[in-house]
Amino acid sequence: MGSTLSNLIYHVVFSTKHRAPIIGRSLKHELYSYMVGIVNGEGGKILIVGGTQDHVHGLIKLKPSQTLSTIVQKLKGHSSKWINQKKKIQGRFSWQSGYAAYSVSRSLLPRVCRYIKNQDEHHRNHSFRDEYTRLLQKHGIEFDEKYLWD
């Protein structure tokens, strides 16, 4: 076969440092647009991004030559640098050190997109902590809860 063909889509989740509720409504839309630009600039594509005041979900499509860890590192690093340089919040902004990522099949894209789009509604009844651990369990990812939160 002469070319490499793929459909690599990941649902990525990460939170602010100590889950601080600092992504306000005014910052949210600017931040999401900035994140789309970061991934686009790396040759990937964010299909949807959403979240709440303390965390972000992104549905990211990558090429086989791109590594998810590198894209997430750039996404978190560049966005936190932008927030701090532009003084988008009072004090220093940073993301938690880790993240979770799940592969998503094409058939589930509409469902995952709805889930990400409706984060504010979802979190009226569920904490981020509960959501995060439930997603890890649902996807069969083993974890020790004492190492999840920094």
C-alpha atoms as a PDB file:
ATOM      1  CA  MET A   1       0.000   0.000   0.000  1.00  0.00           C
ATOM      2  CA  GLY A   2       1.437   3.359  -1.049  1.00  0.00           C
ATOM      3  CA  SER A   3      -0.025   5.608   1.651  1.00  0.00           C
ATOM      4  CA  THR A   4      -0.871   5.564   5.332  1.00  0.00           C
ATOM      5  CA  LEU A   5      -4.566   5.946   6.106  1.00  0.00           C
ATOM      6  CA  SER A   6      -6.028   6.346   9.567  1.00  0.00           C
ATOM      7  CA  ASN A   7      -8.851   7.687  11.688  1.00  0.00           C
ATOM      8  CA  LEU A   8      -7.232   8.220  15.093  1.00  0.00           C
ATOM      9  CA  ILE A   9      -9.618  10.065  17.388  1.00  0.00           C
ATOM     10  CA  TYR A  10      -9.056  10.586  21.109  1.00  0.00           C
ATOM     11  CA  HIS A  11     -11.244  11.901  23.909  1.00  0.00           C
ATOM     12  CA  VAL A  12      -8.795  13.779  26.142  1.00  0.00           C
ATOM     13  CA  VAL A  13      -9.623  15.070  29.632  1.00  0.00           C
ATOM     14  CA  PHE A  14      -7.529  17.184  31.997  1.00  0.00           C
ATOM     15  CA  SER A  15      -8.178  19.631  34.799  1.00  0.00           C
ATOM     16  CA  THR A  16      -6.812  22.807  36.252  1.00  0.00           C
ATOM     17  CA  LYS A  17      -4.206  22.433  38.992  1.00  0.00           C
ATOM     18  CA  HIS A  18      -5.979  21.256  42.155  1.00  0.00           C
ATOM     19  CA  ARG A  19      -9.226  21.450  40.161  1.00  0.00           C
ATOM     20  CA  ALA A  20      -9.404  25.178  40.842  1.00  0.00           C
ATOM     21  CA  PRO A  21     -12.638  26.606  39.336  1.00  0.00           C
ATOM     22  CA  ILE A  22     -10.897  29.372  37.350  1.00  0.00           C
ATOM     23  CA  ILE A  23     -12.049  28.897  33.765  1.00  0.00           C
ATOM     24  CA  GLY A  24     -14.805  31.498  33.803  1.00  0.00           C
ATOM     25  CA  ARG A  25     -17.388  32.027  31.085  1.00  0.00           C
ATOM     26  CA  SER A  26     -15.435  34.889  29.506  1.00  0.00           C
ATOM     27  CA  LEU A  27     -12.201  32.859  29.386  1.00  0.00           C
ATOM     28  CA  LYS A  28     -13.832  29.612  28.283  1.00  0.00           C
ATOM     29  CA  HIS A  29     -14.608  30.561  24.676  1.00  0.00           C
ATOM     30  CA  GLU A  30     -11.287  32.317  24.105  1.00  0.00           C
ATOM     31  CA  LEU A  31      -9.400  29.377  25.633  1.00  0.00           C
ATOM     32  CA  TYR A  32     -11.231  26.822  23.514  1.00  0.00           C
ATOM     33  CA  SER A  33     -10.528  28.802  20.336  1.00  0.00           C
ATOM     34  CA  TYR A  34      -6.880  29.083  21.316  1.00  0.00           C
ATOM     35  CA  MET A  35      -6.711  25.321  21.938  1.00  0.00           C
ATOM     36  CA  VAL A  36      -8.210  24.621  18.507  1.00  0.00           C
ATOM     37  CA  GLY A  37      -5.483  26.810  17.000  1.00  0.00           C
ATOM     38  CA  ILE A  38      -2.746  24.944  18.870  1.00  0.00           C
ATOM     39  CA  VAL A  39      -3.878  21.529  17.626  1.00  0.00           C
ATOM     40  CA  ASN A  40      -4.510  22.822  14.092  1.00  0.00           C
ATOM     41  CA  GLY A  41      -1.020  24.322  14.087  1.00  0.00           C
ATOM     42  CA  GLU A  42       0.388  20.898  14.896  1.00  0.00           C
ATOM     43  CA  GLY A  43      -1.491  19.314  11.974  1.00  0.00           C
ATOM     44  CA  GLY A  44      -4.260  17.748  14.056  1.00  0.00           C
ATOM     45  CA  LYS A  45      -7.863  18.745  14.469  1.00  0.00           C
ATOM     46  CA  ILE A  46     -10.085  19.361  17.493  1.00  0.00           C
ATOM     47  CA  LEU A  47     -13.547  18.135  16.577  1.00  0.00           C
ATOM     48  CA  ILE A  48     -15.067  19.628  19.734  1.00  0.00           C
ATOM     49  CA  VAL A  49     -13.804  21.096  22.984  1.00  0.00           C
ATOM     50  CA  GLY A  50     -15.834  21.737  26.120  1.00  0.00           C
ATOM     51  CA  GLY A  51     -15.721  21.626  29.856  1.00  0.00           C
ATOM     52  CA  THR A  52     -16.443  23.536  33.021  1.00  0.00           C
ATOM     53  CA  GLN A  53     -14.621  25.892  35.344  1.00  0.00           C
ATOM     54  CA  ASP A  54     -12.149  23.218  36.446  1.00  0.00           C
ATOM     55  CA  HIS A  55     -11.554  20.905  33.493  1.00  0.00           C
ATOM     56  CA  VAL A  56     -11.537  20.460  29.726  1.00  0.00           C
ATOM     57  CA  HIS A  57     -12.617  17.688  27.361  1.00  0.00           C
ATOM     58  CA  GLY A  58     -11.347  17.606  23.797  1.00  0.00           C
ATOM     59  CA  LEU A  59     -12.123  15.291  20.918  1.00  0.00           C
ATOM     60  CA  ILE A  60      -8.882  15.305  18.951  1.00  0.00           C
ATOM     61  CA  LYS A  61      -8.102  13.735  15.574  1.00  0.00           C
ATOM     62  CA  LEU A  62      -4.419  13.056  14.887  1.00  0.00           C
ATOM     63  CA  LYS A  63      -2.279  11.774  12.069  1.00  0.00           C
ATOM     64  CA  PRO A  64      -0.338   8.534  12.671  1.00  0.00           C
ATOM     65  CA  SER A  65       2.905  10.528  12.725  1.00  0.00           C
ATOM     66  CA  GLN A  66       1.705  12.558  15.716  1.00  0.00           C
ATOM     67  CA  THR A  67       1.937  11.314  19.271  1.00  0.00           C
ATOM     68  CA  LEU A  68      -0.901  12.057  21.630  1.00  0.00           C
ATOM     69  CA  SER A  69       1.467  12.824  24.520  1.00  0.00           C
ATOM     70  CA  THR A  70       3.294  15.477  22.469  1.00  0.00           C
ATOM     71  CA  ILE A  71       0.046  17.116  21.340  1.00  0.00           C
ATOM     72  CA  VAL A  72      -1.377  17.196  24.890  1.00  0.00           C
ATOM     73  CA  GLN A  73       1.911  18.557  26.245  1.00  0.00           C
ATOM     74  CA  LYS A  74       1.827  21.381  23.676  1.00  0.00           C
ATOM     75  CA  LEU A  75      -1.896  21.959  24.216  1.00  0.00           C
ATOM     76  CA  LYS A  76      -1.521  22.344  27.972  1.00  0.00           C
ATOM     77  CA  GLY A  77       1.841  24.161  27.871  1.00  0.00           C
ATOM     78  CA  HIS A  78       0.963  26.716  25.210  1.00  0.00           C
ATOM     79  CA  SER A  79      -2.514  27.421  26.592  1.00  0.00           C
ATOM     80  CA  SER A  80      -1.299  27.970  30.163  1.00  0.00           C
ATOM     81  CA  LYS A  81       1.518  30.198  28.890  1.00  0.00           C
ATOM     82  CA  TRP A  82      -1.015  32.216  26.858  1.00  0.00           C
ATOM     83  CA  ILE A  83      -3.360  32.606  29.847  1.00  0.00           C
ATOM     84  CA  ASN A  84      -0.501  33.777  32.060  1.00  0.00           C
ATOM     85  CA  GLN A  85       1.141  36.107  29.521  1.00  0.00           C
ATOM     86  CA  LYS A  86      -2.181  37.725  28.614  1.00  0.00           C
ATOM     87  CA  LYS A  87      -3.173  37.863  32.307  1.00  0.00           C
ATOM     88  CA  LYS A  88      -6.510  36.240  31.545  1.00  0.00           C
ATOM     89  CA  ILE A  89      -6.981  35.419  35.238  1.00  0.00           C
ATOM     90  CA  GLN A  90      -5.709  36.825  38.511  1.00  0.00           C
ATOM     91  CA  GLY A  91      -2.780  34.817  39.790  1.00  0.00           C
ATOM     92  CA  ARG A  92      -0.936  32.013  38.055  1.00  0.00           C
ATOM     93  CA  PHE A  93      -2.740  29.491  35.873  1.00  0.00           C
ATOM     94  CA  SER A  94      -1.627  25.889  35.434  1.00  0.00           C
ATOM     95  CA  TRP A  95      -3.076  22.532  34.483  1.00  0.00           C
ATOM     96  CA  GLN A  96      -2.780  19.348  36.540  1.00  0.00           C
ATOM     97  CA  SER A  97       0.239  17.293  35.522  1.00  0.00           C
ATOM     98  CA  GLY A  98      -1.583  14.327  33.984  1.00  0.00           C
ATOM     99  CA  TYR A  99      -4.477  13.637  31.663  1.00  0.00           C
ATOM    100  CA  ALA A 100      -6.735  10.815  30.564  1.00  0.00           C
ATOM    101  CA  ALA A 101      -7.256   9.768  26.959  1.00  0.00           C
ATOM    102  CA  TYR A 102      -9.614   7.286  25.360  1.00  0.00           C
ATOM    103  CA  SER A 103      -9.811   6.151  21.768  1.00  0.00           C
ATOM    104  CA  VAL A 104     -13.181   6.816  20.144  1.00  0.00           C
ATOM    105  CA  SER A 105     -14.705   4.839  17.316  1.00  0.00           C
ATOM    106  CA  ARG A 106     -16.411   6.648  14.435  1.00  0.00           C
ATOM    107  CA  SER A 107     -19.772   5.168  15.397  1.00  0.00           C
ATOM    108  CA  LEU A 108     -19.610   6.828  18.847  1.00  0.00           C
ATOM    109  CA  LEU A 109     -18.558  10.305  17.673  1.00  0.00           C
ATOM    110  CA  PRO A 110     -22.051  11.872  17.851  1.00  0.00           C
ATOM    111  CA  ARG A 111     -22.568  10.532  21.375  1.00  0.00           C
ATOM    112  CA  VAL A 112     -19.163  11.726  22.634  1.00  0.00           C
ATOM    113  CA  CYS A 113     -19.671  15.125  20.970  1.00  0.00           C
ATOM    114  CA  ARG A 114     -23.009  15.546  22.772  1.00  0.00           C
ATOM    115  CA  TYR A 115     -21.385  14.526  26.046  1.00  0.00           C
ATOM    116  CA  ILE A 116     -18.616  17.118  25.655  1.00  0.00           C
ATOM    117  CA  LYS A 117     -21.026  19.816  24.475  1.00  0.00           C
ATOM    118  CA  ASN A 118     -23.269  19.315  27.524  1.00  0.00           C
ATOM    119  CA  GLN A 119     -20.603  19.448  30.236  1.00  0.00           C
ATOM    120  CA  ASP A 120     -22.222  22.286  32.190  1.00  0.00           C
ATOM    121  CA  GLU A 121     -25.487  20.364  32.364  1.00  0.00           C
ATOM    122  CA  HIS A 122     -23.743  17.083  33.200  1.00  0.00           C
ATOM    123  CA  HIS A 123     -21.846  18.646  36.106  1.00  0.00           C
ATOM    124  CA  ARG A 124     -24.960  19.945  37.806  1.00  0.00           C
ATOM    125  CA  ASN A 125     -25.326  16.376  39.121  1.00  0.00           C
ATOM    126  CA  HIS A 126     -21.798  14.908  38.938  1.00  0.00           C
ATOM    127  CA  SER A 127     -18.467  16.164  40.262  1.00  0.00           C
ATOM    128  CA  PHE A 128     -15.375  16.129  38.059  1.00  0.00           C
ATOM    129  CA  ARG A 129     -13.781  13.634  40.445  1.00  0.00           C
ATOM    130  CA  ASP A 130     -16.708  11.216  40.003  1.00  0.00           C
ATOM    131  CA  GLU A 131     -16.765  11.752  36.240  1.00  0.00           C
ATOM    132  CA  TYR A 132     -13.027  11.195  35.850  1.00  0.00           C
ATOM    133  CA  THR A 133     -12.914   7.970  37.841  1.00  0.00           C
ATOM    134  CA  ARG A 134     -16.071   6.694  36.118  1.00  0.00           C
ATOM    135  CA  LEU A 135     -14.511   7.313  32.688  1.00  0.00           C
ATOM    136  CA  LEU A 136     -11.321   5.510  33.715  1.00  0.00           C
ATOM    137  CA  GLN A 137     -13.343   2.527  34.959  1.00  0.00           C
ATOM    138  CA  LYS A 138     -15.583   2.496  31.879  1.00  0.00           C
ATOM    139  CA  HIS A 139     -12.521   2.317  29.621  1.00  0.00           C
ATOM    140  CA  GLY A 140     -10.791  -0.369  31.690  1.00  0.00           C
ATOM    141  CA  ILE A 141      -7.915   1.837  32.839  1.00  0.00           C
ATOM    142  CA  GLU A 142      -6.367   0.670  36.101  1.00  0.00           C
ATOM    143  CA  PHE A 143      -5.496   3.428  38.553  1.00  0.00           C
ATOM    144  CA  ASP A 144      -4.724   4.143  42.175  1.00  0.00           C
ATOM    145  CA  GLU A 145      -6.849   7.081  43.278  1.00  0.00           C
ATOM    146  CA  LYS A 146      -4.121   8.458  45.559  1.00  0.00           C
ATOM    147  CA  TYR A 147      -2.066   9.263  42.425  1.00  0.00           C
ATOM    148  CA  LEU A 148      -4.882  10.869  40.412  1.00  0.00           C
ATOM    149  CA  TRP A 149      -5.090  14.217  42.148  1.00  0.00           C
ATOM    150  CA  ASP A 150      -2.235  16.682  42.471  1.00  0.00           C
END
